[in-house]
Amino acid sequence: MSALRLLRTSFESIQECNFKILYTTYVRPHLDYCLTAVGPYMAQYFKALEKVQRRATKLVTSIRNLPYEQRLEALKLPSMKDRVLRGDLIMMYKVLTNKVNVHPDQLF
């Protein structure tokens, strides 16, 4: 939320093309880090992370009044559930191809 607050105070209005650059540079890395730390175990924390993305998409003045799913489509952003799935698939690929120091037999 603090990175989002900095964006809100730094810019009076944000256009769609600028928002995606700002969001993916300053906000989303924090959310991705938290998603891997939270994992599938803490639903309340996942909802808090989703809330950050909901608020972030409202910074774009031209689509502020649209429902959340339509804002994501307009901005071409994946939902948090899609980001979690992507992160899980990437980690599984790294484990199966021995790119991380976890043996697949220990995992399964």
Foldseek 3Di string as FASTA:
>chain_A
DVLLVVVVVVDVADALVRLVVSCVVGPVVVLLVVCVVCDPPDPVVLVVSQVVVQVSLCRHPVCNPPDSVVSCVVSVHDHVVVSSVVVVVVVVVCQVVVVDPDDVVVVD
